[in-house]
Amino acid sequence: MSLTSNVLLYIIVSYGLGYLFRNLKNPDDTPKINWQMAGVIIGVTCAVANLGLALAGSSFGGAFNLDQPLGPIIGNLGTGLLIGLPIGMIAAYDMSKRFTIIDAWLLFFKIAIIYVVIGGSISSLAVPRYTTEQWFDFFIFGLAQGGIYALIALGYTLVYGILFMINFAHGEVFMAGAFTAFFIARRLAEPAVEGGSAYLDTNPFMSLVLIFAVSMITSTVVAVLLERIAYRPLRRAPRLVPLITAIGASFFLQYTFRGFYGSGVQAYPQVNALKGDLQVADFMLFIALLLIGLITYFATTLLLSNRLKKALPHLGWAPPTIIGIIILLALYLLSSPLQSVLVSGANIAFPLAPEMATELEITTRGEYELPISRIQFVIITSSILMMLGLYTVVQRTKIGRAMRAVAEDKDVAALMGVDVDRVITMTFVMGAMLAGAAGVLYALIFRQVHFFMGFLPGLKAFTAAVLGGIGNIPGAMLGGFFLGIVESLGPSLFLEGLGIPAAYQLKDVIAFTMLVLVLIFRPAGIMGVDLSKKKA
């Protein structure tokens, strides 16, 4: 089957019938056939034409492997309907309105994209190339990757929501934290004495806390300096000026860190505690951490927050810092005992059958492996928790209210007593902390860092922010996860089915094609506001 000739079938039919129905009008200039019915007719015509041409042996028809399980007639007719109906609906809807030459070109791209997505999916699923477990692995990897994109994208969307500019140096903020934390991670992975155990292996929790802290602090320092030196003097300048400055700052940071740390690719140490698949005992540890964290947070907030504010009235940062330290200590001291209790409860509630124990070579229910790796589970859960934390801060705290006020109108917010410079700095701090955390997660799963590592994830995160709606926090989260899943599933689902060689090498093409499509067809994004009214 020729891809070019087959897609021409749908283009010719949809354009021809769409133009015909557009010109069929009543005397009062209303259409004789509404666009919904016209779309169904176009789709059915595409299906019938696909069936006839395929049975005649023409390259203009094709079943995309659906003829193998369903037979040549139903396979070709079904393929034509699955591809033709969406194309027909879109063509009829577009042609029912004002239809210029630009609209005609955009419709051409819409048809080509629908053809690739639906046709490739039919071909991949009709004759399965991968098992259900492999598709699930693709999906989970996409979720983990999307969580990293979402964390970085939140930095873009926070800064845009406040300053209405794109901080193209944010990818280098992500790089700075991950690259600096590498040296701490490498030191923790080295045994203190020859033949001994490394601290990273004996105390993985505290080691990861230290690595994350170094990364987040480094990213925060870089972002604050960037805001103070490069962006604050240009706050009243035309939009293009800070944009060009951001691009220049991106290159400056890349080559500055190349000078600091070298141009080679460094292998990130592997955390033994995160190797292998997730076990029930590991999941119970997560539940224990979650319960202890929530209980300790609400207890300390209820009992200590007001007292600390009264005792330290001039140190606004002290109460949350003290509460955070208490929560970390509680997690460190109580998580293992609670995990043991939960695992024992799981063994009692779901006793392990002797046959299953023998087959899986395990002795307790806690050793049962779940279909997800530990590192992927850590990335997904930690990214979701951090994003929820940010959303809570923006929606429920004083600084969050101040950020929303400054995003609405900086001058009015300043008249109401809001320290605009402080709010903008805090916005950069929050975005940088998330980027630093994302840098460690990225390094843990891909296990390499270098001075140029922030460029591509930064562009992907920008794509995610635009996809979800630039300036919209839930939109950035949704866009990041959606982009990660599509990038992971897309090559195998869309491209391999069309016979495109080395499809996985085109995953970046899928991501940036989505960016172009969003900018063309919905510049406001999935959950974005009207840019022409709010941000321009």
Protein backbone atom coordinates (compact mmCIF):
# COMPACT_ATOMS: atom_id res chain seq x y z
CA MET A 1 0.00 0.00 0.00
CA SER A 2 1.34 3.42 -0.95
CA LEU A 3 0.90 5.95 1.85
CA THR A 4 0.90 8.90 -0.55
CA SER A 5 -1.73 7.53 -2.92
CA ASN A 6 -3.92 6.27 -0.08
CA VAL A 7 -4.06 9.61 1.70
CA LEU A 8 -4.84 11.27 -1.64
CA LEU A 9 -8.06 9.26 -1.73
CA TYR A 10 -9.32 10.89 1.47
CA ILE A 11 -8.11 14.34 0.45
CA ILE A 12 -9.79 14.24 -2.95
CA VAL A 13 -13.10 12.88 -1.65
CA SER A 14 -13.29 15.23 1.34
CA TYR A 15 -12.37 18.34 -0.64
CA GLY A 16 -14.62 17.46 -3.57
CA LEU A 17 -17.74 16.53 -1.61
CA GLY A 18 -17.11 19.26 0.97
CA TYR A 19 -17.03 21.90 -1.76
CA LEU A 20 -20.18 20.41 -3.32
CA PHE A 21 -22.15 20.49 -0.06
CA ARG A 22 -20.86 24.00 0.65
CA ASN A 23 -22.47 25.24 -2.56
CA LEU A 24 -25.78 23.33 -2.17
CA LYS A 25 -27.96 26.03 -0.62
CA ASN A 26 -31.63 26.86 -0.29
CA PRO A 27 -33.10 30.05 -1.79
CA ASP A 28 -32.65 31.77 1.59
CA ASP A 29 -28.90 30.97 1.43
CA THR A 30 -29.03 28.31 4.15
CA PRO A 31 -27.28 24.99 3.45
CA LYS A 32 -29.50 22.19 2.12
CA ILE A 33 -27.51 19.63 4.14
CA ASN A 34 -26.14 20.47 7.59
CA TRP A 35 -22.45 19.89 8.20
CA GLN A 36 -23.03 16.84 10.44
CA MET A 37 -24.91 14.96 7.74
CA ALA A 38 -22.42 16.15 5.13
CA GLY A 39 -19.58 14.78 7.26
CA VAL A 40 -21.27 11.37 7.52
CA ILE A 41 -21.82 11.26 3.76
CA ILE A 42 -18.18 12.16 3.10
CA GLY A 43 -17.00 9.49 5.54
CA VAL A 44 -19.21 6.75 4.06
CA THR A 45 -18.12 7.73 0.54
CA CYS A 46 -14.47 7.47 1.62
CA ALA A 47 -15.15 4.00 3.05
CA VAL A 48 -16.93 2.74 -0.07
CA ALA A 49 -14.24 4.19 -2.32
CA ASN A 50 -11.53 2.62 -0.16
CA LEU A 51 -13.23 -0.79 -0.38
CA GLY A 52 -13.76 -0.62 -4.15
CA LEU A 53 -10.24 0.53 -4.96
CA ALA A 54 -8.65 -1.99 -2.58
CA LEU A 55 -10.61 -4.92 -4.04
CA ALA A 56 -9.63 -3.70 -7.52
CA GLY A 57 -5.96 -3.91 -6.51
CA SER A 58 -5.36 -0.17 -6.66
CA SER A 59 -2.82 1.49 -4.38
CA PHE A 60 -5.47 4.13 -3.57
CA GLY A 61 -7.17 1.77 -1.12
CA GLY A 62 -5.84 -0.03 1.94
CA ALA A 63 -7.02 -1.90 5.02
CA PHE A 64 -4.02 -1.18 7.29
CA ASN A 65 -3.86 -4.87 8.29
CA LEU A 66 -7.51 -4.87 9.40
CA ASP A 67 -8.29 -7.29 6.57
CA GLN A 68 -6.22 -10.01 8.26
CA PRO A 69 -8.51 -10.50 11.29
CA LEU A 70 -11.78 -9.35 9.61
CA GLY A 71 -11.41 -10.27 5.96
CA PRO A 72 -10.87 -8.07 2.90
CA ILE A 73 -14.40 -6.62 2.65
CA ILE A 74 -15.05 -5.74 6.29
CA GLY A 75 -11.39 -4.82 6.82
CA ASN A 76 -11.23 -2.30 3.99
CA LEU A 77 -14.71 -0.94 4.68
CA GLY A 78 -13.99 -0.61 8.42
CA THR A 79 -10.68 1.13 7.78
CA GLY A 80 -12.37 3.55 5.42
CA LEU A 81 -15.03 4.38 8.00
CA LEU A 82 -12.59 4.78 10.90
CA ILE A 83 -10.43 7.17 8.88
CA GLY A 84 -13.09 8.71 6.65
CA LEU A 85 -15.68 9.71 9.24
CA PRO A 86 -13.37 11.98 11.32
CA ILE A 87 -11.93 13.46 8.14
CA GLY A 88 -15.42 13.98 6.72
CA MET A 89 -16.67 15.69 9.87
CA ILE A 90 -13.72 18.06 10.02
CA ALA A 91 -13.88 18.85 6.28
CA ALA A 92 -17.64 19.49 6.38
CA TYR A 93 -17.36 21.66 9.51
CA ASP A 94 -14.50 23.76 8.10
CA MET A 95 -16.20 24.25 4.75
CA SER A 96 -19.51 25.21 6.37
CA LYS A 97 -17.86 28.43 7.58
CA ARG A 98 -15.77 31.08 5.86
CA PHE A 99 -13.25 29.05 3.85
CA THR A 100 -10.14 30.79 2.52
CA ILE A 101 -7.01 29.44 0.87
CA ILE A 102 -5.32 29.39 4.30
CA ASP A 103 -8.19 27.31 5.69
CA ALA A 104 -7.75 24.93 2.77
CA TRP A 105 -4.06 24.43 3.64
CA LEU A 106 -4.88 23.90 7.32
CA LEU A 107 -7.53 21.34 6.37
CA PHE A 108 -4.91 19.51 4.33
CA PHE A 109 -2.67 19.18 7.41
CA LYS A 110 -5.61 18.08 9.56
CA ILE A 111 -6.45 15.31 7.11
CA ALA A 112 -2.83 14.15 6.94
CA ILE A 113 -2.54 14.03 10.73
CA ILE A 114 -5.82 12.13 11.18
CA TYR A 115 -4.69 9.70 8.51
CA VAL A 116 -1.34 9.05 10.23
CA VAL A 117 -2.77 8.76 13.75
CA ILE A 118 -5.82 6.61 13.00
CA GLY A 119 -4.30 4.63 10.13
CA GLY A 120 -1.11 3.90 12.03
CA SER A 121 -3.05 2.89 15.14
CA ILE A 122 -5.26 0.52 13.15
CA SER A 123 -2.24 -1.08 11.51
CA SER A 124 -0.38 -1.47 14.83
CA LEU A 125 -3.34 -2.92 16.72
CA ALA A 126 -4.92 -5.08 14.01
CA VAL A 127 -1.83 -7.31 13.88
CA PRO A 128 -0.29 -6.79 17.34
CA ARG A 129 3.44 -6.12 17.36
CA TYR A 130 3.60 -5.77 21.14
CA THR A 131 1.97 -7.56 24.05
CA THR A 132 -0.36 -5.89 26.54
CA GLU A 133 2.47 -5.83 29.08
CA GLN A 134 4.72 -3.99 26.62
CA TRP A 135 2.05 -1.38 25.86
CA PHE A 136 1.62 -0.93 29.62
CA ASP A 137 5.39 -0.44 29.95
CA PHE A 138 5.26 2.23 27.22
CA PHE A 139 2.43 3.96 29.07
CA ILE A 140 4.16 3.90 32.46
CA PHE A 141 7.41 5.19 30.95
CA GLY A 142 5.40 7.97 29.29
CA LEU A 143 3.84 8.88 32.64
CA ALA A 144 7.26 9.06 34.28
CA GLN A 145 8.68 11.12 31.42
CA GLY A 146 5.59 13.32 31.40
CA GLY A 147 5.95 13.98 35.13
CA ILE A 148 9.45 15.37 34.52
CA TYR A 149 8.20 17.51 31.63
CA ALA A 150 5.35 18.80 33.80
CA LEU A 151 7.66 19.83 36.64
CA ILE A 152 9.83 21.82 34.23
CA ALA A 153 6.78 23.22 32.41
CA LEU A 154 5.45 24.67 35.67
CA GLY A 155 8.49 26.98 35.75
CA TYR A 156 7.66 28.27 32.28
CA THR A 157 4.00 28.77 33.09
CA LEU A 158 4.64 30.45 36.46
CA VAL A 159 7.01 33.02 34.98
CA TYR A 160 4.73 33.63 32.01
CA GLY A 161 1.73 34.07 34.29
CA ILE A 162 3.56 36.83 36.20
CA LEU A 163 5.80 38.54 33.63
CA PHE A 164 4.16 37.45 30.35
CA MET A 165 7.54 36.35 28.99
CA ILE A 166 9.00 32.97 28.05
CA ASN A 167 12.04 32.17 30.19
CA PHE A 168 14.00 30.16 27.61
CA ALA A 169 16.87 29.84 30.12
CA HIS A 170 14.70 27.65 32.35
CA GLY A 171 16.10 24.49 30.75
CA GLU A 172 19.56 25.55 31.95
CA VAL A 173 18.18 26.10 35.47
CA PHE A 174 17.08 22.45 35.29
CA MET A 175 20.55 21.45 34.06
CA ALA A 176 22.41 23.43 36.74
CA GLY A 177 20.71 21.62 39.60
CA ALA A 178 21.08 18.12 38.17
CA PHE A 179 24.71 18.61 37.14
CA THR A 180 25.77 20.10 40.49
CA ALA A 181 23.97 17.38 42.47
CA PHE A 182 25.86 14.78 40.44
CA PHE A 183 29.05 15.48 42.40
CA ILE A 184 27.24 14.97 45.70
CA ALA A 185 25.65 11.78 44.37
CA ARG A 186 29.01 10.48 43.17
CA ARG A 187 30.59 11.14 46.55
CA LEU A 188 27.75 9.42 48.38
CA ALA A 189 28.13 6.41 46.06
CA GLU A 190 31.79 5.95 47.04
CA PRO A 191 32.52 3.76 50.11
CA ALA A 192 34.11 5.63 53.01
CA VAL A 193 36.64 2.82 53.45
CA GLU A 194 37.87 0.26 50.96
CA GLY A 195 35.59 -2.76 50.92
CA GLY A 196 32.86 -0.96 52.88
CA SER A 197 29.35 0.09 51.86
CA ALA A 198 28.54 3.44 50.33
CA TYR A 199 26.24 5.82 52.21
CA LEU A 200 23.96 5.89 49.15
CA ASP A 201 23.37 2.15 49.60
CA THR A 202 23.06 2.05 53.39
CA ASN A 203 20.93 5.22 53.76
CA PRO A 204 19.21 5.78 50.39
CA PHE A 205 16.42 7.97 51.81
CA MET A 206 18.67 10.54 53.46
CA SER A 207 21.05 10.39 50.48
CA LEU A 208 18.25 11.23 48.08
CA VAL A 209 17.05 14.03 50.38
CA LEU A 210 20.56 15.50 50.29
CA ILE A 211 20.87 15.13 46.50
CA PHE A 212 17.48 16.75 45.92
CA ALA A 213 18.32 19.56 48.36
CA VAL A 214 21.59 20.38 46.58
CA SER A 215 19.93 20.31 43.17
CA MET A 216 16.98 22.47 44.22
CA ILE A 217 19.17 25.00 46.04
CA THR A 218 21.53 25.29 43.06
CA SER A 219 18.67 25.77 40.62
CA THR A 220 17.11 28.35 42.93
CA VAL A 221 20.33 30.37 43.22
CA VAL A 222 20.80 30.34 39.44
CA ALA A 223 17.18 31.36 38.81
CA VAL A 224 17.25 34.21 41.35
CA LEU A 225 20.51 35.58 39.93
CA LEU A 226 19.04 35.28 36.45
CA GLU A 227 15.98 37.27 37.48
CA ARG A 228 17.96 39.94 39.31
CA ILE A 229 20.67 40.45 36.69
CA ALA A 230 19.04 39.67 33.34
CA TYR A 231 15.28 40.20 33.68
CA ARG A 232 14.56 42.81 36.38
CA PRO A 233 16.25 45.71 34.52
CA LEU A 234 14.17 44.87 31.42
CA ARG A 235 10.80 44.56 33.12
CA ARG A 236 9.36 47.63 31.36
CA ALA A 237 11.09 46.94 28.05
CA PRO A 238 9.25 45.73 24.93
CA ARG A 239 8.40 42.02 24.89
CA LEU A 240 11.06 41.10 22.37
CA VAL A 241 13.92 42.42 24.52
CA PRO A 242 13.57 40.02 27.50
CA LEU A 243 12.89 37.18 25.08
CA ILE A 244 16.21 37.73 23.32
CA THR A 245 17.86 38.16 26.71
CA ALA A 246 16.47 34.80 27.85
CA ILE A 247 17.95 33.08 24.80
CA GLY A 248 21.31 34.74 25.45
CA ALA A 249 21.16 33.77 29.14
CA SER A 250 20.49 30.18 28.08
CA PHE A 251 23.70 30.02 26.06
CA PHE A 252 25.62 31.85 28.78
CA LEU A 253 24.58 29.31 31.42
CA GLN A 254 25.32 26.35 29.14
CA TYR A 255 28.88 27.37 28.49
CA THR A 256 29.45 28.65 32.02
CA PHE A 257 28.66 25.21 33.41
CA ARG A 258 30.69 23.64 30.65
CA GLY A 259 33.61 25.67 31.98
CA PHE A 260 32.84 24.68 35.57
CA TYR A 261 32.22 20.95 35.10
CA GLY A 262 33.64 20.06 31.69
CA SER A 263 32.07 19.04 28.40
CA GLY A 264 31.97 15.28 29.00
CA VAL A 265 28.90 13.21 29.73
CA GLN A 266 28.88 12.04 33.35
CA ALA A 267 27.24 8.77 34.42
CA TYR A 268 24.90 9.34 37.35
CA PRO A 269 25.30 6.83 40.19
CA GLN A 270 22.61 4.19 40.41
CA VAL A 271 20.63 3.91 43.62
CA ASN A 272 20.41 0.22 44.51
CA ALA A 273 17.23 0.81 46.49
CA LEU A 274 15.53 1.93 43.24
CA LYS A 275 16.61 -1.06 41.13
CA GLY A 276 14.15 -3.67 39.93
CA ASP A 277 10.37 -3.78 39.95
CA LEU A 278 8.18 -2.36 42.65
CA GLN A 279 7.20 -4.85 45.34
CA VAL A 280 4.18 -4.79 47.64
CA ALA A 281 6.51 -3.94 50.53
CA ASP A 282 7.77 -0.91 48.58
CA PHE A 283 4.21 0.22 47.95
CA MET A 284 3.45 -0.17 51.64
CA LEU A 285 6.49 2.03 52.37
CA PHE A 286 4.98 4.69 50.11
CA ILE A 287 1.65 4.43 51.93
CA ALA A 288 3.50 4.70 55.25
CA LEU A 289 5.39 7.80 54.10
CA LEU A 290 2.19 9.36 52.80
CA LEU A 291 0.26 8.70 56.03
CA ILE A 292 3.09 9.90 58.29
CA GLY A 293 3.65 12.98 56.15
CA LEU A 294 -0.04 13.97 56.12
CA ILE A 295 -0.58 13.29 59.83
CA THR A 296 2.61 15.12 60.85
CA TYR A 297 1.82 18.06 58.57
CA PHE A 298 -1.69 18.59 59.88
CA ALA A 299 -0.62 17.99 63.50
CA THR A 300 2.33 20.42 63.37
CA THR A 301 0.34 23.00 61.44
CA LEU A 302 -2.49 22.82 63.93
CA LEU A 303 -0.34 22.77 67.09
CA LEU A 304 2.81 24.72 66.17
CA SER A 305 2.15 27.04 63.25
CA ASN A 306 0.46 29.89 65.13
CA ARG A 307 2.83 29.58 68.09
CA LEU A 308 5.88 29.75 65.84
CA LYS A 309 4.49 32.78 64.03
CA LYS A 310 3.99 34.58 67.34
CA ALA A 311 7.42 33.52 68.66
CA LEU A 312 9.18 34.48 65.41
CA PRO A 313 7.16 37.40 64.04
CA HIS A 314 9.96 38.79 61.87
CA LEU A 315 11.12 35.47 60.41
CA GLY A 316 8.39 34.43 58.03
CA TRP A 317 10.53 31.64 56.62
CA ALA A 318 11.21 30.02 60.00
CA PRO A 319 7.81 28.37 60.80
CA PRO A 320 7.50 26.41 57.51
CA THR A 321 11.20 25.47 57.72
CA ILE A 322 10.84 24.10 61.24
CA ILE A 323 7.66 22.25 60.32
CA GLY A 324 9.44 20.77 57.28
CA ILE A 325 12.34 19.54 59.43
CA ILE A 326 9.89 17.92 61.88
CA ILE A 327 8.10 16.18 59.00
CA LEU A 328 11.40 14.84 57.60
CA LEU A 329 12.42 13.51 61.01
CA ALA A 330 9.05 11.82 61.46
CA LEU A 331 9.34 10.23 58.02
CA TYR A 332 12.85 8.99 58.76
CA LEU A 333 12.03 7.54 62.20
CA LEU A 334 8.52 6.15 61.73
CA SER A 335 8.33 4.97 58.12
CA SER A 336 10.04 1.59 58.59
CA PRO A 337 7.97 0.51 61.65
CA LEU A 338 4.71 1.50 59.93
CA GLN A 339 5.81 -0.28 56.75
CA SER A 340 6.30 -3.50 58.73
CA VAL A 341 2.82 -3.17 60.23
CA LEU A 342 1.24 -2.62 56.80
CA VAL A 343 3.11 -5.55 55.23
CA SER A 344 2.00 -7.80 58.06
CA GLY A 345 -1.56 -6.66 57.51
CA ALA A 346 -1.27 -7.44 53.79
CA ASN A 347 0.05 -10.93 54.56
CA ILE A 348 -2.90 -11.56 56.89
CA ALA A 349 -5.53 -10.09 54.56
CA PHE A 350 -4.14 -11.72 51.39
CA PRO A 351 -2.31 -14.90 52.41
CA LEU A 352 0.14 -16.23 49.85
CA ALA A 353 -0.83 -19.61 48.38
CA PRO A 354 1.97 -22.23 48.54
CA GLU A 355 1.75 -22.85 44.78
CA MET A 356 2.18 -19.15 43.97
CA ALA A 357 5.04 -18.86 46.47
CA THR A 358 6.84 -21.76 44.80
CA GLU A 359 6.21 -20.46 41.29
CA LEU A 360 7.32 -16.90 42.04
CA GLU A 361 10.09 -17.92 44.47
CA ILE A 362 8.84 -15.63 47.23
CA THR A 363 7.99 -16.25 50.88
CA THR A 364 5.64 -13.37 51.80
CA ARG A 365 3.10 -11.18 50.06
CA GLY A 366 5.45 -8.24 50.55
CA GLU A 367 7.87 -9.71 47.99
CA TYR A 368 5.20 -9.88 45.26
CA GLU A 369 6.29 -7.72 42.29
CA LEU A 370 4.00 -5.17 40.67
CA PRO A 371 4.19 -4.35 36.93
CA ILE A 372 6.11 -1.08 37.37
CA SER A 373 9.72 -0.37 38.19
CA ARG A 374 10.70 1.34 41.44
CA ILE A 375 12.31 4.32 39.76
CA GLN A 376 9.26 4.94 37.56
CA PHE A 377 6.97 4.74 40.57
CA VAL A 378 9.15 7.19 42.50
CA ILE A 379 9.20 9.64 39.60
CA ILE A 380 5.44 9.50 38.98
CA THR A 381 4.42 9.81 42.63
CA SER A 382 6.99 12.45 43.58
CA SER A 383 6.17 14.60 40.54
CA ILE A 384 2.44 14.43 41.27
CA LEU A 385 2.98 15.28 44.94
CA MET A 386 5.22 18.25 44.09
CA MET A 387 2.74 19.56 41.54
CA LEU A 388 -0.12 19.26 44.02
CA GLY A 389 2.03 21.04 46.59
CA LEU A 390 2.67 23.92 44.20
CA TYR A 391 -1.02 24.17 43.31
CA THR A 392 -1.89 24.25 47.02
CA VAL A 393 0.64 27.02 47.65
CA VAL A 394 -0.70 29.13 44.78
CA GLN A 395 -4.34 28.64 45.77
CA ARG A 396 -4.23 28.55 49.58
CA THR A 397 -1.37 30.73 50.86
CA LYS A 398 -0.63 34.44 51.14
CA ILE A 399 2.20 34.31 48.66
CA GLY A 400 -0.08 32.43 46.28
CA ARG A 401 -2.75 35.12 46.53
CA ALA A 402 -0.07 37.74 45.97
CA MET A 403 1.15 35.88 42.88
CA ARG A 404 -2.36 35.76 41.46
CA ALA A 405 -2.83 39.45 42.17
CA VAL A 406 0.45 40.38 40.47
CA ALA A 407 -0.44 38.18 37.49
CA GLU A 408 -3.74 40.07 37.16
CA ASP A 409 -2.29 43.58 37.36
CA LYS A 410 1.14 44.45 38.78
CA ASP A 411 0.43 48.15 39.24
CA VAL A 412 -2.85 47.66 41.08
CA ALA A 413 -1.29 44.93 43.23
CA ALA A 414 1.53 47.31 44.19
CA LEU A 415 -1.04 49.97 45.15
CA MET A 416 -2.74 47.38 47.38
CA GLY A 417 0.51 46.82 49.30
CA VAL A 418 1.91 43.78 47.47
CA ASP A 419 5.70 43.72 47.15
CA VAL A 420 5.84 42.98 43.41
CA ASP A 421 9.60 42.40 43.28
CA ARG A 422 9.40 39.88 46.14
CA VAL A 423 6.49 38.05 44.50
CA ILE A 424 8.33 37.82 41.18
CA THR A 425 11.43 36.51 42.94
CA MET A 426 9.34 33.89 44.77
CA THR A 427 7.84 32.86 41.44
CA PHE A 428 11.31 32.19 40.05
CA VAL A 429 12.22 30.37 43.28
CA MET A 430 9.22 28.02 43.04
CA GLY A 431 9.79 27.25 39.39
CA ALA A 432 13.50 26.67 39.99
CA MET A 433 12.91 24.31 42.92
CA LEU A 434 10.63 22.17 40.78
CA ALA A 435 13.16 22.27 37.93
CA GLY A 436 15.95 21.18 40.30
CA ALA A 437 13.84 18.27 41.53
CA ALA A 438 13.00 17.35 37.94
CA GLY A 439 16.72 17.38 37.12
CA VAL A 440 17.46 14.72 39.74
CA LEU A 441 14.50 12.59 38.61
CA TYR A 442 15.69 12.90 35.01
CA ALA A 443 19.22 11.89 36.00
CA LEU A 444 17.98 8.92 38.03
CA ILE A 445 16.01 7.45 35.13
CA PHE A 446 18.36 8.32 32.23
CA ARG A 447 21.55 8.14 34.35
CA GLN A 448 23.61 10.76 32.59
CA VAL A 449 24.24 14.51 32.88
CA HIS A 450 26.09 17.03 30.73
CA PHE A 451 26.15 20.77 30.17
CA PHE A 452 23.71 20.57 27.22
CA MET A 453 21.17 18.32 28.94
CA GLY A 454 18.67 21.13 29.62
CA PHE A 455 18.10 22.13 26.00
CA LEU A 456 15.83 19.34 24.72
CA PRO A 457 13.85 18.72 27.95
CA GLY A 458 13.43 22.49 28.21
CA LEU A 459 11.90 22.65 24.73
CA LYS A 460 9.70 19.64 25.49
CA ALA A 461 8.54 21.29 28.72
CA PHE A 462 7.79 24.51 26.83
CA THR A 463 5.75 22.40 24.40
CA ALA A 464 3.89 20.88 27.35
CA ALA A 465 3.19 24.34 28.80
CA VAL A 466 1.83 25.59 25.47
CA LEU A 467 -0.14 22.39 25.00
CA GLY A 468 -1.85 22.74 28.37
CA GLY A 469 -2.24 26.50 28.18
CA ILE A 470 0.68 28.80 28.94
CA GLY A 471 0.07 30.56 32.25
CA ASN A 472 -2.27 27.83 33.51
CA ILE A 473 -0.85 25.60 36.27
CA PRO A 474 -3.26 22.63 35.87
CA GLY A 475 -2.81 22.97 32.12
CA ALA A 476 0.98 22.64 32.43
CA MET A 477 0.55 19.50 34.55
CA LEU A 478 -1.90 17.98 32.07
CA GLY A 479 0.21 19.01 29.08
CA GLY A 480 3.35 17.46 30.56
CA PHE A 481 1.76 14.09 31.22
CA PHE A 482 -0.04 14.10 27.86
CA LEU A 483 3.14 14.94 25.95
CA GLY A 484 5.14 12.27 27.79
CA ILE A 485 2.55 9.57 27.06
CA VAL A 486 2.15 10.51 23.39
CA GLU A 487 5.93 10.68 22.93
CA SER A 488 6.30 7.21 24.48
CA LEU A 489 3.38 5.53 22.72
CA GLY A 490 3.40 7.51 19.46
CA PRO A 491 6.32 5.94 17.58
CA SER A 492 5.12 2.39 18.22
CA LEU A 493 1.43 3.18 17.84
CA PHE A 494 1.34 5.66 14.93
CA LEU A 495 4.55 5.29 12.94
CA GLU A 496 5.56 1.64 13.06
CA GLY A 497 2.13 0.65 11.75
CA LEU A 498 2.77 2.75 8.64
CA GLY A 499 6.03 0.94 7.97
CA ILE A 500 8.24 3.90 8.85
CA PRO A 501 11.72 2.58 9.75
CA ALA A 502 13.42 3.46 13.07
CA ALA A 503 10.18 5.01 14.29
CA TYR A 504 11.40 5.58 17.85
CA GLN A 505 14.06 7.97 16.59
CA LEU A 506 11.21 10.23 15.47
CA LYS A 507 9.75 10.70 18.97
CA ASP A 508 11.07 14.27 19.07
CA VAL A 509 9.32 14.94 15.77
CA ILE A 510 6.03 13.90 17.38
CA ALA A 511 6.59 16.28 20.30
CA PHE A 512 7.44 19.31 18.18
CA THR A 513 4.71 18.51 15.66
CA MET A 514 2.28 18.75 18.56
CA LEU A 515 3.73 22.17 19.43
CA VAL A 516 3.21 23.41 15.87
CA LEU A 517 -0.33 22.03 15.76
CA VAL A 518 -1.28 23.65 19.06
CA LEU A 519 0.13 27.01 17.93
CA ILE A 520 -1.81 26.74 14.65
CA PHE A 521 -5.16 25.36 15.75
CA ARG A 522 -5.47 26.31 19.44
CA PRO A 523 -2.85 28.82 20.54
CA ALA A 524 -4.50 29.14 23.97
CA GLY A 525 -3.85 25.44 24.69
CA ILE A 526 -6.14 22.83 26.19
CA MET A 527 -6.94 24.80 29.35
CA GLY A 528 -5.54 28.20 28.44
CA VAL A 529 -7.15 31.61 28.45
CA ASP A 530 -7.75 33.78 25.41
CA LEU A 531 -4.23 35.04 24.71
CA SER A 532 -5.42 37.90 22.54
CA LYS A 533 -7.34 39.38 25.46
CA LYS A 534 -5.33 38.36 28.51
CA LYS A 535 -1.66 38.12 27.62
CA ALA A 536 -1.07 40.33 24.61
